[in-house]
């Protein structure tokens, strides 16, 4: 079995992958949003949300469960092969059943008649996700391969976006290219897997051993998908595609930032599962402490900055036709902190410890909260109401998980230097907010302000001798010294 990378290397690779996911929409969305208009981007956003609901049935929670299952047997090629084969068969069978339900919905639901071709194209997500086995590569911590492969397909999609999209009616093509950028690389996964597993049947299959855990993870995926996509679906049926477009622009920016915040947690799940499986609890708690510190140091300043400069970000990325996205974006920014922390507590602690039911219950609580608030606020506040629902739902998820793990998680929270963090953010705001008064245009305002904000924030943390920052600087000096 190929040796797994260090946590630092895995984080670097995942950070590069995250940055590619950041750059891709930053380059394409300003172009696409101006051509397709809010109605076009809103239609694609709804199609993706609709298919996502069906896709959770085909996945059955395997994307998360598979990481843990593969990480636990990664040193035994035969057992790893057997595990992967079993999960792949389950995934493919469920995908076939899901397609039957999906096409039945297209025939029965009147509102889905207009953009049937768009829905069919976007539904390829289901098949590509089933055969991709992304969970195996993450369980084996092969983040270098994942990163290189993903960036290559994003570059192809980037070129296709500018070559093929020229008028508002091209939103169907936009949907297809979006699916290609995110999922087409899964085809490569299928062929590349022979490097890590036996491709021929190995026998001794026991599909039943996965069903209980997969069922729980499936319920978790359902709850998560409901309250992360419910906003778009309810907006579509209760308002207009334009309102969906406004909300979609704000959520796209939020999702990019969340992916940066959760980049470390994503690479720690397989390592945490390995530590728990082998009884290395000291190492398990240490990486958890560092991960929580990381979330606070990155998520809190990002939340504040993007709330202050929401108007400039929306104007730069989406254009002045998306002014209705500014308020939803400002409202939804606290989710950077909430999601960052709940991702660490849920995926890095509760799941490796075998407490996935707690994660499930927290997500059900979030889904119910989101449903109620959306029903109350969307009719009057539209996109802003949906944003409020998301913020409160994510807060409920976090509080539930904190209550469940308070004995084990509180020591890590106590080691966060909150006063130093607040002082650094306050200094960063004072050093950057004045740029808005110069009226330099969105690009220059963001360029100058982000430099001022970042330098001031880092400088104050260094002056205050924040341990995490100091440790990082020492590691960089050590690497440069070598």
Protein backbone atom coordinates (compact mmCIF):
# COMPACT_ATOMS: atom_id res chain seq x y z
CA UNK A 1 0.00 0.00 0.00
CA UNK A 2 1.33 3.44 -0.92
CA UNK A 3 2.35 5.46 2.10
CA UNK A 4 -0.09 8.15 3.15
CA UNK A 5 1.06 11.75 3.18
CA UNK A 6 1.67 13.87 6.24
CA UNK A 7 -1.17 15.96 7.60
CA UNK A 8 0.67 19.13 6.48
CA UNK A 9 1.09 17.78 2.93
CA UNK A 10 -2.51 16.62 2.80
CA UNK A 11 -3.70 19.99 4.07
CA UNK A 12 -1.54 21.77 1.49
CA UNK A 13 -2.95 19.65 -1.32
CA UNK A 14 -6.50 20.12 -0.08
CA UNK A 15 -5.86 23.85 0.28
CA UNK A 16 -4.66 23.99 -3.34
CA UNK A 17 -7.75 22.05 -4.38
CA UNK A 18 -9.89 24.47 -2.39
CA UNK A 19 -8.17 27.45 -3.98
CA UNK A 20 -8.84 25.99 -7.42
CA UNK A 21 -12.50 25.75 -6.44
CA UNK A 22 -12.24 29.39 -5.40
CA UNK A 23 -10.55 30.59 -8.57
CA UNK A 24 -12.85 28.68 -10.95
CA UNK A 25 -16.09 30.47 -9.95
CA UNK A 26 -14.25 33.77 -9.46
CA UNK A 27 -13.23 33.60 -13.12
CA UNK A 28 -16.38 32.10 -14.58
CA UNK A 29 -19.28 33.43 -12.50
CA UNK A 30 -18.72 37.14 -13.31
CA UNK A 31 -18.87 36.19 -17.00
CA UNK A 32 -21.72 33.70 -16.70
CA UNK A 33 -23.91 35.80 -14.40
CA UNK A 34 -23.81 38.77 -16.75
CA UNK A 35 -24.80 36.65 -19.75
CA UNK A 36 -27.36 34.33 -18.19
CA UNK A 37 -28.87 36.95 -15.83
CA UNK A 38 -30.37 36.01 -12.43
CA UNK A 39 -33.12 33.93 -14.07
CA UNK A 40 -30.60 31.71 -15.89
CA UNK A 41 -28.25 31.16 -12.96
CA UNK A 42 -31.29 30.63 -10.72
CA UNK A 43 -32.63 27.90 -13.04
CA UNK A 44 -29.32 26.03 -12.94
CA UNK A 45 -29.07 26.47 -9.18
CA UNK A 46 -32.52 24.92 -8.73
CA UNK A 47 -31.66 22.04 -11.10
CA UNK A 48 -28.53 21.22 -9.09
CA UNK A 49 -30.47 21.41 -5.82
CA UNK A 50 -33.22 19.17 -7.22
CA UNK A 51 -30.79 16.52 -8.44
CA UNK A 52 -28.87 16.73 -5.17
CA UNK A 53 -31.99 15.58 -3.33
CA UNK A 54 -32.18 12.50 -5.54
CA UNK A 55 -28.44 11.92 -5.32
CA UNK A 56 -28.51 11.47 -1.56
CA UNK A 57 -30.63 8.35 -2.09
CA UNK A 58 -28.04 6.89 -4.45
CA UNK A 59 -25.20 7.74 -2.08
CA UNK A 60 -26.76 6.29 1.08
CA UNK A 61 -24.20 8.15 3.17
CA UNK A 62 -21.33 6.22 1.57
CA UNK A 63 -19.25 9.37 0.80
CA UNK A 64 -18.63 9.84 4.55
CA UNK A 65 -18.92 6.26 5.79
CA UNK A 66 -16.61 5.06 3.00
CA UNK A 67 -13.80 7.35 4.16
CA UNK A 68 -13.89 5.86 7.65
CA UNK A 69 -14.30 2.28 6.41
CA UNK A 70 -11.37 2.53 3.99
CA UNK A 71 -9.13 4.35 6.48
CA UNK A 72 -9.60 1.57 9.02
CA UNK A 73 -8.40 -1.18 6.62
CA UNK A 74 -6.00 0.78 4.45
CA UNK A 75 -3.03 -1.40 5.50
CA UNK A 76 -4.70 -4.60 4.20
CA UNK A 77 -5.11 -4.55 0.40
CA UNK A 78 -7.38 -7.61 0.33
CA UNK A 79 -9.77 -6.29 2.96
CA UNK A 80 -9.64 -2.81 1.42
CA UNK A 81 -10.56 -4.28 -1.98
CA UNK A 82 -13.45 -6.22 -0.48
CA UNK A 83 -14.75 -3.11 1.31
CA UNK A 84 -14.52 -0.96 -1.82
CA UNK A 85 -16.22 -3.58 -4.01
CA UNK A 86 -19.09 -3.94 -1.55
CA UNK A 87 -19.68 -0.21 -1.25
CA UNK A 88 -19.38 0.32 -5.01
CA UNK A 89 -22.03 -2.33 -5.74
CA UNK A 90 -24.39 -0.79 -3.17
CA UNK A 91 -23.83 2.64 -4.70
CA UNK A 92 -24.45 1.53 -8.30
CA UNK A 93 -27.62 -0.41 -7.42
CA UNK A 94 -29.03 2.55 -5.49
CA UNK A 95 -28.18 4.89 -8.38
CA UNK A 96 -30.21 2.77 -10.78
CA UNK A 97 -33.21 2.89 -8.45
CA UNK A 98 -32.76 6.64 -8.02
CA UNK A 99 -32.88 7.24 -11.77
CA UNK A 100 -36.25 5.49 -11.92
CA UNK A 101 -37.62 7.84 -9.27
CA UNK A 102 -36.04 10.88 -10.92
CA UNK A 103 -37.49 10.31 -14.38
CA UNK A 104 -40.86 9.53 -12.85
CA UNK A 105 -40.76 12.94 -11.14
CA UNK A 106 -39.96 14.65 -14.44
CA UNK A 107 -43.05 13.10 -15.98
CA UNK A 108 -45.43 13.78 -13.09
CA UNK A 109 -44.51 17.21 -11.66
CA UNK A 110 -45.87 20.02 -13.93
CA UNK A 111 -43.33 22.62 -12.77
CA UNK A 112 -40.49 20.41 -14.02
CA UNK A 113 -41.73 20.26 -17.62
CA UNK A 114 -40.14 23.47 -18.93
CA UNK A 115 -36.46 22.68 -18.34
CA UNK A 116 -36.53 18.92 -18.71
CA UNK A 117 -33.33 18.84 -20.81
CA UNK A 118 -31.48 20.80 -18.12
CA UNK A 119 -32.60 18.39 -15.40
CA UNK A 120 -31.57 15.34 -17.46
CA UNK A 121 -28.10 16.77 -18.11
CA UNK A 122 -27.54 17.74 -14.49
CA UNK A 123 -28.75 14.30 -13.37
CA UNK A 124 -25.51 12.82 -14.73
CA UNK A 125 -24.18 13.85 -11.30
CA UNK A 126 -25.86 10.74 -9.92
CA UNK A 127 -24.02 8.26 -12.16
CA UNK A 128 -20.65 10.01 -12.05
CA UNK A 129 -20.77 10.24 -8.28
CA UNK A 130 -21.67 6.54 -7.96
CA UNK A 131 -18.66 5.28 -9.92
CA UNK A 132 -16.15 7.83 -8.63
CA UNK A 133 -15.17 6.18 -5.31
CA UNK A 134 -13.90 9.53 -4.07
CA UNK A 135 -14.34 8.20 -0.54
CA UNK A 136 -11.68 5.53 -1.15
CA UNK A 137 -9.05 8.06 -2.20
CA UNK A 138 -9.83 10.26 0.77
CA UNK A 139 -9.72 7.29 3.12
CA UNK A 140 -6.24 6.50 1.77
CA UNK A 141 -5.31 10.21 2.05
CA UNK A 142 -4.38 10.46 -1.62
CA UNK A 143 -4.94 14.20 -1.73
CA UNK A 144 -2.17 14.90 -4.24
CA UNK A 145 -3.90 12.71 -6.83
CA UNK A 146 -7.33 14.18 -6.02
CA UNK A 147 -5.98 17.71 -6.39
CA UNK A 148 -4.11 17.24 -9.68
CA UNK A 149 -7.01 15.37 -11.28
CA UNK A 150 -9.64 17.88 -10.16
CA UNK A 151 -7.68 20.92 -11.30
CA UNK A 152 -7.13 19.37 -14.75
CA UNK A 153 -10.87 18.92 -15.31
CA UNK A 154 -11.64 22.39 -13.96
CA UNK A 155 -9.25 23.89 -16.49
CA UNK A 156 -11.03 22.06 -19.31
CA UNK A 157 -14.40 23.28 -17.99
CA UNK A 158 -13.02 26.82 -17.71
CA UNK A 159 -12.16 26.90 -21.41
CA UNK A 160 -15.52 25.35 -22.33
CA UNK A 161 -17.36 27.98 -20.30
CA UNK A 162 -15.98 30.87 -22.35
CA UNK A 163 -16.17 29.04 -25.68
CA UNK A 164 -19.75 27.74 -25.42
CA UNK A 165 -21.74 30.28 -23.36
CA UNK A 166 -22.69 33.45 -25.25
CA UNK A 167 -26.42 34.12 -24.72
CA UNK A 168 -29.09 33.77 -21.99
CA UNK A 169 -30.48 30.55 -23.48
CA UNK A 170 -27.11 28.85 -22.92
CA UNK A 171 -27.95 28.20 -19.27
CA UNK A 172 -28.49 24.52 -20.14
CA UNK A 173 -24.90 24.35 -21.40
CA UNK A 174 -23.79 26.07 -18.21
CA UNK A 175 -25.47 23.34 -16.19
CA UNK A 176 -23.67 20.65 -18.16
CA UNK A 177 -20.27 22.32 -17.83
CA UNK A 178 -20.79 22.79 -14.09
CA UNK A 179 -21.42 19.06 -13.72
CA UNK A 180 -18.36 18.29 -15.87
CA UNK A 181 -16.13 20.49 -13.71
CA UNK A 182 -17.27 18.86 -10.47
CA UNK A 183 -17.85 15.21 -11.38
CA UNK A 184 -16.36 14.17 -14.73
CA UNK A 185 -13.00 13.45 -13.11
CA UNK A 186 -14.69 10.57 -11.29
CA UNK A 187 -14.37 8.54 -14.50
CA UNK A 188 -10.60 8.64 -14.04
CA UNK A 189 -11.03 7.40 -10.48
CA UNK A 190 -12.60 4.19 -11.70
CA UNK A 191 -9.60 3.26 -13.86
CA UNK A 192 -6.94 4.55 -11.45
CA UNK A 193 -8.29 2.48 -8.56
CA UNK A 194 -6.33 -0.62 -9.70
CA UNK A 195 -3.27 0.99 -8.14
CA UNK A 196 -4.76 0.50 -4.67
CA UNK A 197 -7.23 -2.38 -4.89
CA UNK A 198 -7.78 -5.63 -6.75
CA UNK A 199 -10.16 -4.98 -9.64
CA UNK A 200 -11.23 -8.61 -9.94
CA UNK A 201 -13.71 -10.12 -7.42
CA UNK A 202 -11.99 -11.18 -4.20
CA UNK A 203 -14.88 -13.17 -2.70
CA UNK A 204 -16.12 -13.29 0.86
CA UNK A 205 -18.43 -10.33 0.35
CA UNK A 206 -20.70 -9.32 3.20
CA UNK A 207 -22.90 -6.42 2.19
CA UNK A 208 -25.00 -6.59 5.35
CA UNK A 209 -22.14 -5.43 7.57
CA UNK A 210 -22.35 -1.96 6.05
CA UNK A 211 -26.11 -1.51 6.10
CA UNK A 212 -26.57 -0.26 9.67
CA UNK A 213 -23.78 2.32 9.52
CA UNK A 214 -24.65 3.30 5.94
CA UNK A 215 -28.26 3.80 7.03
CA UNK A 216 -27.20 6.24 9.72
CA UNK A 217 -24.89 8.12 7.40
CA UNK A 218 -27.67 8.15 4.79
CA UNK A 219 -30.01 9.77 7.29
CA UNK A 220 -27.24 12.28 8.08
CA UNK A 221 -26.84 13.05 4.38
CA UNK A 222 -30.61 13.50 4.02
CA UNK A 223 -30.78 15.93 6.92
CA UNK A 224 -27.75 17.88 5.71
CA UNK A 225 -28.99 18.05 2.13
CA UNK A 226 -32.44 19.17 3.26
CA UNK A 227 -31.27 22.18 5.20
CA UNK A 228 -28.47 23.10 2.77
CA UNK A 229 -30.67 22.93 -0.34
CA UNK A 230 -34.08 23.62 1.16
CA UNK A 231 -33.60 27.37 0.82
CA UNK A 232 -33.21 27.23 -2.96
CA UNK A 233 -36.11 24.81 -3.44
CA UNK A 234 -38.49 26.83 -1.22
CA UNK A 235 -37.44 30.09 -2.87
CA UNK A 236 -38.13 28.58 -6.30
CA UNK A 237 -41.65 27.50 -5.39
CA UNK A 238 -42.52 30.49 -3.17
CA UNK A 239 -40.91 33.37 -5.12
CA UNK A 240 -39.23 33.63 -8.55
CA UNK A 241 -36.12 32.42 -10.36
CA UNK A 242 -34.72 35.95 -9.99
CA UNK A 243 -34.85 35.69 -6.19
CA UNK A 244 -33.20 32.28 -6.46
CA UNK A 245 -30.50 33.93 -8.57
CA UNK A 246 -29.90 36.59 -5.90
CA UNK A 247 -29.62 33.98 -3.19
CA UNK A 248 -27.48 31.71 -5.35
CA UNK A 249 -24.87 34.46 -5.85
CA UNK A 250 -24.58 34.97 -2.08
CA UNK A 251 -24.45 31.22 -1.36
CA UNK A 252 -21.78 30.62 -4.01
CA UNK A 253 -19.47 33.08 -2.27
CA UNK A 254 -20.31 31.58 1.12
CA UNK A 255 -19.60 28.05 -0.12
CA UNK A 256 -16.21 29.07 -1.47
CA UNK A 257 -15.26 30.56 1.89
CA UNK A 258 -16.63 27.56 3.80
CA UNK A 259 -14.52 25.21 1.69
CA UNK A 260 -11.43 27.13 2.78
CA UNK A 261 -12.43 26.97 6.45
CA UNK A 262 -13.19 23.23 6.30
CA UNK A 263 -10.11 22.33 4.23
CA UNK A 264 -8.19 21.13 7.27
CA UNK A 265 -11.10 19.17 8.73
CA UNK A 266 -11.58 17.36 5.42
CA UNK A 267 -8.09 15.83 5.53
CA UNK A 268 -8.29 15.00 9.24
CA UNK A 269 -11.27 12.60 9.09
CA UNK A 270 -9.29 9.58 7.80
CA UNK A 271 -6.39 10.35 10.16
CA UNK A 272 -8.75 10.74 13.14
CA UNK A 273 -10.48 7.47 12.26
CA UNK A 274 -7.09 5.75 12.11
CA UNK A 275 -6.07 7.14 15.53
CA UNK A 276 -9.32 6.02 17.17
CA UNK A 277 -9.12 2.57 15.57
CA UNK A 278 -5.59 2.11 16.98
CA UNK A 279 -6.25 3.70 20.39
CA UNK A 280 -4.03 6.74 19.85
CA UNK A 281 -6.31 9.14 21.72
CA UNK A 282 -3.60 11.65 22.68
CA UNK A 283 -2.85 12.30 19.02
CA UNK A 284 -6.60 12.37 18.29
CA UNK A 285 -7.28 15.16 20.80
CA UNK A 286 -4.19 17.14 19.75
CA UNK A 287 -5.17 17.44 16.09
CA UNK A 288 -8.70 18.34 17.18
CA UNK A 289 -7.37 21.21 19.29
CA UNK A 290 -5.31 22.53 16.39
CA UNK A 291 -8.25 22.23 14.00
CA UNK A 292 -10.57 24.27 16.25
CA UNK A 293 -7.91 26.95 16.65
CA UNK A 294 -7.51 27.00 12.88
CA UNK A 295 -11.24 27.56 12.36
CA UNK A 296 -11.36 30.53 14.72
CA UNK A 297 -8.22 32.13 13.25
CA UNK A 298 -9.47 31.91 9.67
CA UNK A 299 -13.28 31.89 9.81
CA UNK A 300 -13.84 34.82 12.17
CA UNK A 301 -11.79 37.42 10.22
CA UNK A 302 -13.21 36.16 6.90
CA UNK A 303 -16.74 36.56 8.26
CA UNK A 304 -16.11 40.15 9.34
CA UNK A 305 -14.30 41.17 6.14
CA UNK A 306 -16.95 39.82 3.78
CA UNK A 307 -19.76 41.38 5.78
CA UNK A 308 -18.10 44.80 5.47
CA UNK A 309 -17.19 44.46 1.79
CA UNK A 310 -20.21 42.45 0.63
CA UNK A 311 -21.31 45.14 -1.84
CA UNK A 312 -17.93 45.31 -3.55
CA UNK A 313 -17.65 41.51 -3.74
CA UNK A 314 -21.11 41.14 -5.31
CA UNK A 315 -20.51 43.96 -7.81
CA UNK A 316 -17.16 42.48 -8.85
CA UNK A 317 -18.27 38.88 -9.15
CA UNK A 318 -21.88 39.18 -10.31
CA UNK A 319 -22.50 42.75 -11.51
CA UNK A 320 -24.95 45.49 -10.57
CA UNK A 321 -27.96 43.35 -11.55
CA UNK A 322 -27.29 41.31 -8.39
CA UNK A 323 -27.64 44.12 -5.87
CA UNK A 324 -30.36 42.00 -4.27
CA UNK A 325 -27.62 39.55 -3.23
CA UNK A 326 -25.82 41.97 -0.88
CA UNK A 327 -28.10 41.68 2.16
CA UNK A 328 -28.39 37.85 1.95
CA UNK A 329 -24.60 37.62 1.72
CA UNK A 330 -24.08 39.77 4.82
CA UNK A 331 -26.67 37.81 6.76
CA UNK A 332 -25.25 34.41 5.84
CA UNK A 333 -21.59 35.11 6.69
CA UNK A 334 -21.72 33.89 10.36
CA UNK A 335 -22.18 30.39 8.97
CA UNK A 336 -18.43 30.40 8.21
CA UNK A 337 -17.76 30.06 11.93
CA UNK A 338 -20.72 27.79 12.70
CA UNK A 339 -20.06 25.34 9.86
CA UNK A 340 -16.31 25.37 10.44
CA UNK A 341 -16.73 24.34 14.07
CA UNK A 342 -19.54 21.83 13.52
CA UNK A 343 -17.51 20.22 10.72
CA UNK A 344 -14.60 19.64 13.09
CA UNK A 345 -16.78 18.44 15.97
CA UNK A 346 -19.00 16.28 13.79
CA UNK A 347 -16.74 14.84 11.12
CA UNK A 348 -13.44 14.79 13.02
CA UNK A 349 -14.64 13.82 16.50
CA UNK A 350 -18.13 12.33 16.58
CA UNK A 351 -17.84 10.20 13.43
CA UNK A 352 -14.43 8.63 14.24
CA UNK A 353 -15.69 7.96 17.77
CA UNK A 354 -18.68 6.07 16.31
CA UNK A 355 -21.19 8.68 17.49
CA UNK A 356 -22.67 9.41 14.08
CA UNK A 357 -26.18 9.24 15.55
CA UNK A 358 -25.43 12.45 17.45
CA UNK A 359 -24.44 14.11 14.17
CA UNK A 360 -27.68 12.84 12.65
CA UNK A 361 -29.83 14.25 15.43
CA UNK A 362 -28.07 17.61 15.24
CA UNK A 363 -28.69 17.80 11.50
CA UNK A 364 -32.34 16.83 11.88
CA UNK A 365 -32.69 19.66 14.40
CA UNK A 366 -31.06 22.00 11.88
CA UNK A 367 -33.31 20.83 9.04
CA UNK A 368 -36.50 21.32 11.08
CA UNK A 369 -35.32 24.76 12.18
CA UNK A 370 -34.53 25.75 8.60
CA UNK A 371 -37.91 24.55 7.34
CA UNK A 372 -39.84 26.52 9.97
CA UNK A 373 -37.89 29.76 9.56
CA UNK A 374 -37.99 29.56 5.76
CA UNK A 375 -41.76 29.08 5.81
CA UNK A 376 -42.16 32.11 8.05
CA UNK A 377 -39.68 34.52 6.45
CA UNK A 378 -39.34 33.71 2.74
CA UNK A 379 -42.79 35.09 1.75
CA UNK A 380 -41.93 38.53 3.13
CA UNK A 381 -38.11 38.67 3.08
CA UNK A 382 -37.39 36.36 0.12
CA UNK A 383 -33.63 35.72 -0.24
CA UNK A 384 -32.80 37.43 3.06
CA UNK A 385 -35.35 35.25 4.84
CA UNK A 386 -33.70 32.14 3.40
CA UNK A 387 -30.31 33.41 4.58
CA UNK A 388 -31.62 33.89 8.12
CA UNK A 389 -33.00 30.35 8.08
CA UNK A 390 -29.59 28.97 7.09
CA UNK A 391 -27.73 30.91 9.80
CA UNK A 392 -30.08 29.80 12.59
CA UNK A 393 -30.09 26.20 11.34
CA UNK A 394 -26.28 26.01 11.35
CA UNK A 395 -26.19 27.52 14.84
CA UNK A 396 -28.65 24.88 16.10
CA UNK A 397 -26.47 22.10 14.61
CA UNK A 398 -23.37 23.49 16.32
CA UNK A 399 -25.02 23.95 19.73
CA UNK A 400 -26.44 20.41 19.67
CA UNK A 401 -23.01 18.92 18.93
CA UNK A 402 -21.32 21.07 21.55
CA UNK A 403 -23.80 19.89 24.17
CA UNK A 404 -23.14 16.25 23.22
CA UNK A 405 -19.35 16.55 23.50
CA UNK A 406 -18.94 19.32 26.07
CA UNK A 407 -16.75 17.21 28.34
CA UNK A 408 -14.25 16.41 25.59
CA UNK A 409 -14.45 19.57 23.50
CA UNK A 410 -14.39 22.32 26.14
CA UNK A 411 -10.63 21.98 26.87
CA UNK A 412 -9.90 22.69 23.21
CA UNK A 413 -12.16 25.77 23.19
CA UNK A 414 -10.52 27.09 26.36
CA UNK A 415 -7.14 27.14 24.61
CA UNK A 416 -8.34 29.56 21.92
CA UNK A 417 -7.01 33.08 22.56
CA UNK A 418 -10.23 35.01 21.99
CA UNK A 419 -9.02 38.45 23.15
CA UNK A 420 -6.02 38.33 20.83
CA UNK A 421 -8.29 37.26 17.98
CA UNK A 422 -10.81 40.08 18.56
CA UNK A 423 -8.01 42.65 18.90
CA UNK A 424 -6.45 41.49 15.62
CA UNK A 425 -9.78 41.64 13.75
CA UNK A 426 -10.60 45.08 15.19
CA UNK A 427 -7.22 46.41 14.04
CA UNK A 428 -7.73 44.84 10.62
CA UNK A 429 -11.13 46.53 10.24
CA UNK A 430 -9.69 49.94 11.18
CA UNK A 431 -6.86 49.49 8.69
CA UNK A 432 -9.11 48.46 5.79
CA UNK A 433 -12.59 50.01 6.12
CA UNK A 434 -11.33 53.46 5.11
CA UNK A 435 -10.69 52.17 1.56
CA UNK A 436 -14.46 52.23 0.93
CA UNK A 437 -14.40 56.04 1.27
CA UNK A 438 -12.07 56.40 -1.72
CA UNK A 439 -14.67 55.10 -4.23
CA UNK A 440 -12.00 53.39 -6.33
CA UNK A 441 -14.29 50.78 -7.84
CA UNK A 442 -14.90 47.24 -6.67
CA UNK A 443 -11.65 45.63 -7.84
CA UNK A 444 -9.23 48.21 -6.44
CA UNK A 445 -11.24 48.56 -3.24
CA UNK A 446 -11.07 44.82 -2.61
CA UNK A 447 -7.43 44.55 -3.64
CA UNK A 448 -6.22 47.32 -1.33
CA UNK A 449 -8.54 46.47 1.54
CA UNK A 450 -7.72 42.75 1.62
CA UNK A 451 -3.99 43.53 1.73
CA UNK A 452 -4.47 46.06 4.54
CA UNK A 453 -6.81 43.72 6.42
CA UNK A 454 -4.53 40.71 6.09
CA UNK A 455 -1.33 42.52 7.05
CA UNK A 456 -2.90 44.22 10.06
CA UNK A 457 -4.53 41.00 11.25
CA UNK A 458 -1.31 38.97 10.96
CA UNK A 459 0.83 41.71 12.51
CA UNK A 460 -1.34 42.02 15.62
CA UNK A 461 -1.42 38.24 16.10
CA UNK A 462 2.39 38.18 15.85
CA UNK A 463 2.76 41.07 18.28
CA UNK A 464 0.38 39.34 20.71
CA UNK A 465 2.37 36.11 20.29
CA UNK A 466 -0.60 33.98 19.31
CA UNK A 467 0.73 30.38 19.71
CA UNK A 468 -0.74 28.87 16.52
CA UNK A 469 0.65 31.69 14.35
CA UNK A 470 4.01 31.53 16.13
CA UNK A 471 4.23 27.78 15.59
CA UNK A 472 3.39 28.18 11.90
CA UNK A 473 6.07 30.87 11.45
CA UNK A 474 8.66 28.66 13.15
CA UNK A 475 7.78 25.77 10.86
CA UNK A 476 8.16 27.99 7.80
CA UNK A 477 11.55 29.21 9.03
CA UNK A 478 12.61 25.63 9.63
CA UNK A 479 11.61 24.61 6.11
CA UNK A 480 13.41 27.60 4.58
CA UNK A 481 16.46 26.80 6.67
CA UNK A 482 16.57 23.30 5.24
